[in-house]
Amino acid sequence: MEIDAKVVAALRAETGAGMMECKKALLESGGDKEKAKEWLRKRGLDVAAKKSGRATNNGWIGSYLHHNGRVGVLVELLCETDFVAKGEVFQTLLKDIAMQVAMTNPIALSREQVPEAVLAKEREIYRAQVPPGKPPQIADRIVEGKVESFFKERCLLEQPFIKEAKITIKERISQAVQQTGENISMGRFSRFELGEKSA
């Protein structure tokens, strides 16, 4: 079985495991990335997962102001030590995330944080878009497919990274975890647009 190098690189970005381990995990899992992650975890090779439970009591608040002065962002990014927070890898990640928020305007950090009322409204809109005459189970699948796309578009951690669309923001953070050797997690973020009323 031939494994695509891009899939290997994406698995490495998410787990922090070495390239050869990632390739072997994908081969053992028939190319399924989720099964490969499980395979790595069982063998203790998922570096990012090992670090994810460690406390992040330090960090930095970063900002981004768009060149036209109409959009501004504040981002709280957390890590384990002040040393890493001041480092180039962390600061670059912080700038990348702030720019991401400015460009994509996410409504939540993760799908779990999307308000139920917002989700209900989206489902209502998607259901109205289903062509008439579709069987209910097909209609449900269409609606849930659109909801899944909504999460990937509007939840920061699931969004494709604007500088490298083949990885998500979550995977971009995992790359920094691998580079720094510390757990890094997202705190809060706020996006301001000139003339926009606050909720």
C-alpha atoms as a PDB file:
ATOM      1  CA  MET A   1       0.000   0.000   0.000  1.00  0.00           C
ATOM      2  CA  GLU A   2       1.301   3.464  -0.941  1.00  0.00           C
ATOM      3  CA  ILE A   3       0.875   6.185   1.692  1.00  0.00           C
ATOM      4  CA  ASP A   4       0.642   9.809   0.529  1.00  0.00           C
ATOM      5  CA  ALA A   5       3.457  11.934   2.015  1.00  0.00           C
ATOM      6  CA  LYS A   6       0.944  14.702   2.759  1.00  0.00           C
ATOM      7  CA  VAL A   7      -1.078  12.327   4.969  1.00  0.00           C
ATOM      8  CA  VAL A   8       2.127  11.301   6.790  1.00  0.00           C
ATOM      9  CA  ALA A   9       3.042  14.982   7.301  1.00  0.00           C
ATOM     10  CA  ALA A  10      -0.459  15.811   8.586  1.00  0.00           C
ATOM     11  CA  LEU A  11      -0.336  12.903  11.071  1.00  0.00           C
ATOM     12  CA  ARG A  12       3.106  14.022  12.220  1.00  0.00           C
ATOM     13  CA  ALA A  13       1.821  17.591  12.722  1.00  0.00           C
ATOM     14  CA  GLU A  14      -1.084  16.329  14.824  1.00  0.00           C
ATOM     15  CA  THR A  15       0.811  13.831  16.964  1.00  0.00           C
ATOM     16  CA  GLY A  16       4.422  15.003  17.080  1.00  0.00           C
ATOM     17  CA  ALA A  17       5.562  11.431  16.321  1.00  0.00           C
ATOM     18  CA  GLY A  18       8.471  10.850  13.920  1.00  0.00           C
ATOM     19  CA  MET A  19       7.931  10.502  10.160  1.00  0.00           C
ATOM     20  CA  MET A  20       8.803   6.796  10.093  1.00  0.00           C
ATOM     21  CA  GLU A  21       6.476   6.023  13.034  1.00  0.00           C
ATOM     22  CA  CYS A  22       3.664   7.968  11.314  1.00  0.00           C
ATOM     23  CA  LYS A  23       4.198   6.100   8.050  1.00  0.00           C
ATOM     24  CA  LYS A  24       4.239   2.750   9.856  1.00  0.00           C
ATOM     25  CA  ALA A  25       1.077   3.696  11.799  1.00  0.00           C
ATOM     26  CA  LEU A  26      -0.720   4.574   8.551  1.00  0.00           C
ATOM     27  CA  LEU A  27       0.416   1.332   6.906  1.00  0.00           C
ATOM     28  CA  GLU A  28      -0.766  -0.671   9.936  1.00  0.00           C
ATOM     29  CA  SER A  29      -4.100   1.214   9.869  1.00  0.00           C
ATOM     30  CA  GLY A  30      -4.805   0.880   6.146  1.00  0.00           C
ATOM     31  CA  GLY A  31      -4.290   4.609   5.573  1.00  0.00           C
ATOM     32  CA  ASP A  32      -6.957   5.648   8.133  1.00  0.00           C
ATOM     33  CA  LYS A  33      -5.590   8.689  10.008  1.00  0.00           C
ATOM     34  CA  GLU A  34      -7.802   8.276  13.103  1.00  0.00           C
ATOM     35  CA  LYS A  35      -6.834   4.593  13.478  1.00  0.00           C
ATOM     36  CA  ALA A  36      -3.187   5.567  12.942  1.00  0.00           C
ATOM     37  CA  LYS A  37      -3.429   8.099  15.809  1.00  0.00           C
ATOM     38  CA  GLU A  38      -4.829   5.362  18.040  1.00  0.00           C
ATOM     39  CA  TRP A  39      -2.009   3.014  16.957  1.00  0.00           C
ATOM     40  CA  LEU A  40       0.575   5.667  17.909  1.00  0.00           C
ATOM     41  CA  ARG A  41      -1.110   6.385  21.257  1.00  0.00           C
ATOM     42  CA  LYS A  42      -1.110   2.675  22.151  1.00  0.00           C
ATOM     43  CA  ARG A  43       2.626   2.618  21.599  1.00  0.00           C
ATOM     44  CA  GLY A  44       3.232   5.860  23.516  1.00  0.00           C
ATOM     45  CA  LEU A  45       4.441   7.680  20.396  1.00  0.00           C
ATOM     46  CA  ASP A  46       1.873  10.515  20.322  1.00  0.00           C
ATOM     47  CA  VAL A  47       4.029  13.373  21.662  1.00  0.00           C
ATOM     48  CA  ALA A  48       1.289  16.023  21.474  1.00  0.00           C
ATOM     49  CA  ALA A  49      -1.183  13.813  23.378  1.00  0.00           C
ATOM     50  CA  LYS A  50       1.409  13.135  26.104  1.00  0.00           C
ATOM     51  CA  LYS A  51       1.865  16.849  26.655  1.00  0.00           C
ATOM     52  CA  SER A  52      -1.824  17.809  26.360  1.00  0.00           C
ATOM     53  CA  GLY A  53      -2.606  17.003  29.993  1.00  0.00           C
ATOM     54  CA  ARG A  54       0.112  19.263  31.384  1.00  0.00           C
ATOM     55  CA  ALA A  55      -0.939  22.583  32.939  1.00  0.00           C
ATOM     56  CA  THR A  56      -0.602  25.741  30.862  1.00  0.00           C
ATOM     57  CA  ASN A  57      -0.282  28.539  33.435  1.00  0.00           C
ATOM     58  CA  ASN A  58       1.889  30.862  31.363  1.00  0.00           C
ATOM     59  CA  GLY A  59       1.492  32.381  27.940  1.00  0.00           C
ATOM     60  CA  TRP A  60       1.013  35.625  26.105  1.00  0.00           C
ATOM     61  CA  ILE A  61      -1.717  37.890  24.812  1.00  0.00           C
ATOM     62  CA  GLY A  62      -1.076  38.793  21.198  1.00  0.00           C
ATOM     63  CA  SER A  63      -2.769  41.227  18.877  1.00  0.00           C
ATOM     64  CA  TYR A  64      -3.259  41.793  15.183  1.00  0.00           C
ATOM     65  CA  LEU A  65      -4.424  44.978  13.481  1.00  0.00           C
ATOM     66  CA  HIS A  66      -5.340  44.690   9.817  1.00  0.00           C
ATOM     67  CA  HIS A  67      -3.508  47.119   7.501  1.00  0.00           C
ATOM     68  CA  ASN A  68      -6.714  49.107   6.805  1.00  0.00           C
ATOM     69  CA  GLY A  69      -7.297  49.663  10.543  1.00  0.00           C
ATOM     70  CA  ARG A  70     -10.811  48.202  10.325  1.00  0.00           C
ATOM     71  CA  VAL A  71     -10.219  44.804  11.985  1.00  0.00           C
ATOM     72  CA  GLY A  72      -8.367  44.104  15.230  1.00  0.00           C
ATOM     73  CA  VAL A  73      -7.855  40.880  17.192  1.00  0.00           C
ATOM     74  CA  LEU A  74      -6.706  39.894  20.687  1.00  0.00           C
ATOM     75  CA  VAL A  75      -5.643  36.282  21.322  1.00  0.00           C
ATOM     76  CA  GLU A  76      -4.691  34.545  24.564  1.00  0.00           C
ATOM     77  CA  LEU A  77      -2.298  31.634  23.933  1.00  0.00           C
ATOM     78  CA  LEU A  78      -1.151  29.488  26.863  1.00  0.00           C
ATOM     79  CA  CYS A  79       1.930  27.359  27.536  1.00  0.00           C
ATOM     80  CA  GLU A  80       3.814  25.829  30.456  1.00  0.00           C
ATOM     81  CA  THR A  81       6.690  28.285  30.947  1.00  0.00           C
ATOM     82  CA  ASP A  82       7.484  31.951  30.479  1.00  0.00           C
ATOM     83  CA  PHE A  83      10.625  30.892  28.584  1.00  0.00           C
ATOM     84  CA  VAL A  84       8.598  29.256  25.795  1.00  0.00           C
ATOM     85  CA  ALA A  85       6.045  32.102  25.786  1.00  0.00           C
ATOM     86  CA  LYS A  86       8.815  34.545  24.866  1.00  0.00           C
ATOM     87  CA  GLY A  87      10.339  32.237  22.242  1.00  0.00           C
ATOM     88  CA  GLU A  88      10.129  32.650  18.478  1.00  0.00           C
ATOM     89  CA  VAL A  89       8.088  29.467  17.836  1.00  0.00           C
ATOM     90  CA  PHE A  90       5.385  30.507  20.311  1.00  0.00           C
ATOM     91  CA  GLN A  91       5.309  34.146  19.207  1.00  0.00           C
ATOM     92  CA  THR A  92       5.043  33.143  15.525  1.00  0.00           C
ATOM     93  CA  LEU A  93       2.168  30.795  16.385  1.00  0.00           C
ATOM     94  CA  LEU A  94       0.458  33.583  18.317  1.00  0.00           C
ATOM     95  CA  LYS A  95       0.713  35.947  15.321  1.00  0.00           C
ATOM     96  CA  ASP A  96      -0.540  33.228  12.959  1.00  0.00           C
ATOM     97  CA  ILE A  97      -3.596  32.553  15.128  1.00  0.00           C
ATOM     98  CA  ALA A  98      -4.392  36.261  15.554  1.00  0.00           C
ATOM     99  CA  MET A  99      -4.223  36.717  11.775  1.00  0.00           C
ATOM    100  CA  GLN A 100      -6.391  33.621  11.308  1.00  0.00           C
ATOM    101  CA  VAL A 101      -9.075  35.078  13.595  1.00  0.00           C
ATOM    102  CA  ALA A 102      -8.960  38.405  11.729  1.00  0.00           C
ATOM    103  CA  MET A 103      -9.354  36.752   8.310  1.00  0.00           C
ATOM    104  CA  THR A 104     -11.893  34.006   9.102  1.00  0.00           C
ATOM    105  CA  ASN A 105     -14.004  35.475  11.935  1.00  0.00           C
ATOM    106  CA  PRO A 106     -14.641  32.210  13.872  1.00  0.00           C
ATOM    107  CA  ILE A 107     -17.624  32.158  16.226  1.00  0.00           C
ATOM    108  CA  ALA A 108     -16.148  29.638  18.696  1.00  0.00           C
ATOM    109  CA  LEU A 109     -12.904  27.902  19.602  1.00  0.00           C
ATOM    110  CA  SER A 110     -14.371  24.400  19.137  1.00  0.00           C
ATOM    111  CA  ARG A 111     -17.651  22.788  18.090  1.00  0.00           C
ATOM    112  CA  GLU A 112     -18.481  22.149  21.748  1.00  0.00           C
ATOM    113  CA  GLN A 113     -18.560  25.914  22.322  1.00  0.00           C
ATOM    114  CA  VAL A 114     -21.015  26.735  19.510  1.00  0.00           C
ATOM    115  CA  PRO A 115     -24.228  27.906  21.217  1.00  0.00           C
ATOM    116  CA  GLU A 116     -27.109  25.446  20.813  1.00  0.00           C
ATOM    117  CA  ALA A 117     -29.354  28.253  19.516  1.00  0.00           C
ATOM    118  CA  VAL A 118     -26.882  29.005  16.701  1.00  0.00           C
ATOM    119  CA  LEU A 119     -26.688  25.325  15.773  1.00  0.00           C
ATOM    120  CA  ALA A 120     -30.476  24.973  15.780  1.00  0.00           C
ATOM    121  CA  LYS A 121     -30.787  27.998  13.466  1.00  0.00           C
ATOM    122  CA  GLU A 122     -28.154  26.602  11.072  1.00  0.00           C
ATOM    123  CA  ARG A 123     -29.923  23.215  10.968  1.00  0.00           C
ATOM    124  CA  GLU A 124     -33.213  24.990  10.215  1.00  0.00           C
ATOM    125  CA  ILE A 125     -31.598  26.889   7.307  1.00  0.00           C
ATOM    126  CA  TYR A 126     -29.914  23.746   5.919  1.00  0.00           C
ATOM    127  CA  ARG A 127     -33.154  21.753   6.172  1.00  0.00           C
ATOM    128  CA  ALA A 128     -34.936  24.462   4.133  1.00  0.00           C
ATOM    129  CA  GLN A 129     -32.207  24.094   1.464  1.00  0.00           C
ATOM    130  CA  VAL A 130     -32.787  20.327   1.011  1.00  0.00           C
ATOM    131  CA  PRO A 131     -34.478  19.691  -2.355  1.00  0.00           C
ATOM    132  CA  PRO A 132     -38.156  18.695  -1.949  1.00  0.00           C
ATOM    133  CA  GLY A 133     -38.983  15.004  -2.148  1.00  0.00           C
ATOM    134  CA  LYS A 134     -35.762  13.705  -0.542  1.00  0.00           C
ATOM    135  CA  PRO A 135     -36.359  10.777   1.841  1.00  0.00           C
ATOM    136  CA  PRO A 136     -36.025  11.851   5.518  1.00  0.00           C
ATOM    137  CA  GLN A 137     -32.817   9.831   6.137  1.00  0.00           C
ATOM    138  CA  ILE A 138     -31.167  11.399   3.046  1.00  0.00           C
ATOM    139  CA  ALA A 139     -32.344  14.858   4.112  1.00  0.00           C
ATOM    140  CA  ASP A 140     -30.862  14.258   7.591  1.00  0.00           C
ATOM    141  CA  ARG A 141     -27.519  13.222   6.071  1.00  0.00           C
ATOM    142  CA  ILE A 142     -27.460  16.341   3.873  1.00  0.00           C
ATOM    143  CA  VAL A 143     -28.205  18.579   6.870  1.00  0.00           C
ATOM    144  CA  GLU A 144     -25.553  16.904   9.055  1.00  0.00           C
ATOM    145  CA  GLY A 145     -22.991  17.166   6.231  1.00  0.00           C
ATOM    146  CA  LYS A 146     -23.655  20.913   6.065  1.00  0.00           C
ATOM    147  CA  VAL A 147     -23.389  21.190   9.870  1.00  0.00           C
ATOM    148  CA  GLU A 148     -20.002  19.437   9.697  1.00  0.00           C
ATOM    149  CA  SER A 149     -18.856  21.962   7.063  1.00  0.00           C
ATOM    150  CA  PHE A 150     -20.152  24.785   9.289  1.00  0.00           C
ATOM    151  CA  PHE A 151     -17.981  23.542  12.185  1.00  0.00           C
ATOM    152  CA  LYS A 152     -14.899  23.418   9.933  1.00  0.00           C
ATOM    153  CA  GLU A 153     -15.579  26.923   8.676  1.00  0.00           C
ATOM    154  CA  ARG A 154     -16.588  28.669  11.904  1.00  0.00           C
ATOM    155  CA  CYS A 155     -14.714  26.847  14.754  1.00  0.00           C
ATOM    156  CA  LEU A 156     -11.156  28.140  15.079  1.00  0.00           C
ATOM    157  CA  LEU A 157      -9.432  24.843  15.936  1.00  0.00           C
ATOM    158  CA  GLU A 158     -11.048  23.050  12.974  1.00  0.00           C
ATOM    159  CA  GLN A 159     -10.420  25.750  10.377  1.00  0.00           C
ATOM    160  CA  PRO A 160      -7.824  25.157   7.652  1.00  0.00           C
ATOM    161  CA  PHE A 161      -4.766  27.268   8.487  1.00  0.00           C
ATOM    162  CA  ILE A 162      -4.768  30.302   6.140  1.00  0.00           C
ATOM    163  CA  LYS A 163      -1.043  29.959   5.416  1.00  0.00           C
ATOM    164  CA  GLU A 164      -1.132  26.175   4.832  1.00  0.00           C
ATOM    165  CA  ALA A 165      -4.638  24.914   4.031  1.00  0.00           C
ATOM    166  CA  LYS A 166      -3.775  21.208   4.302  1.00  0.00           C
ATOM    167  CA  ILE A 167      -3.497  21.510   8.101  1.00  0.00           C
ATOM    168  CA  THR A 168      -5.955  22.841  10.677  1.00  0.00           C
ATOM    169  CA  ILE A 169      -5.265  25.359  13.435  1.00  0.00           C
ATOM    170  CA  LYS A 170      -5.299  22.452  15.906  1.00  0.00           C
ATOM    171  CA  GLU A 171      -2.569  20.752  13.841  1.00  0.00           C
ATOM    172  CA  ARG A 172      -0.632  24.045  13.628  1.00  0.00           C
ATOM    173  CA  ILE A 173      -0.666  24.200  17.448  1.00  0.00           C
ATOM    174  CA  SER A 174       0.490  20.545  17.594  1.00  0.00           C
ATOM    175  CA  GLN A 175       3.458  21.460  15.392  1.00  0.00           C
ATOM    176  CA  ALA A 176       4.468  24.138  17.912  1.00  0.00           C
ATOM    177  CA  VAL A 177       4.040  21.649  20.780  1.00  0.00           C
ATOM    178  CA  GLN A 178       6.432  19.321  18.990  1.00  0.00           C
ATOM    179  CA  GLN A 179       8.945  22.142  18.369  1.00  0.00           C
ATOM    180  CA  THR A 180       8.880  23.561  21.916  1.00  0.00           C
ATOM    181  CA  GLY A 181       8.436  20.331  23.865  1.00  0.00           C
ATOM    182  CA  GLU A 182       5.706  22.019  25.930  1.00  0.00           C
ATOM    183  CA  ASN A 183       1.945  21.846  25.993  1.00  0.00           C
ATOM    184  CA  ILE A 184       0.350  24.830  24.228  1.00  0.00           C
ATOM    185  CA  SER A 185      -3.364  25.569  24.336  1.00  0.00           C
ATOM    186  CA  MET A 186      -5.726  28.258  23.151  1.00  0.00           C
ATOM    187  CA  GLY A 187      -7.254  30.589  25.694  1.00  0.00           C
ATOM    188  CA  ARG A 188      -9.701  33.284  24.590  1.00  0.00           C
ATOM    189  CA  PHE A 189      -9.929  35.397  21.470  1.00  0.00           C
ATOM    190  CA  SER A 190     -11.813  38.535  20.489  1.00  0.00           C
ATOM    191  CA  ARG A 191     -12.273  40.087  17.069  1.00  0.00           C
ATOM    192  CA  PHE A 192     -13.316  43.696  16.575  1.00  0.00           C
ATOM    193  CA  GLU A 193     -14.529  45.199  13.302  1.00  0.00           C
ATOM    194  CA  LEU A 194     -15.080  48.903  12.840  1.00  0.00           C
ATOM    195  CA  GLY A 195     -18.789  49.771  12.967  1.00  0.00           C
ATOM    196  CA  GLU A 196     -19.804  46.299  14.156  1.00  0.00           C
ATOM    197  CA  LYS A 197     -22.092  46.299  17.196  1.00  0.00           C
ATOM    198  CA  SER A 198     -21.067  44.043  20.085  1.00  0.00           C
ATOM    199  CA  ALA A 199     -23.409  41.212  21.034  1.00  0.00           C
END
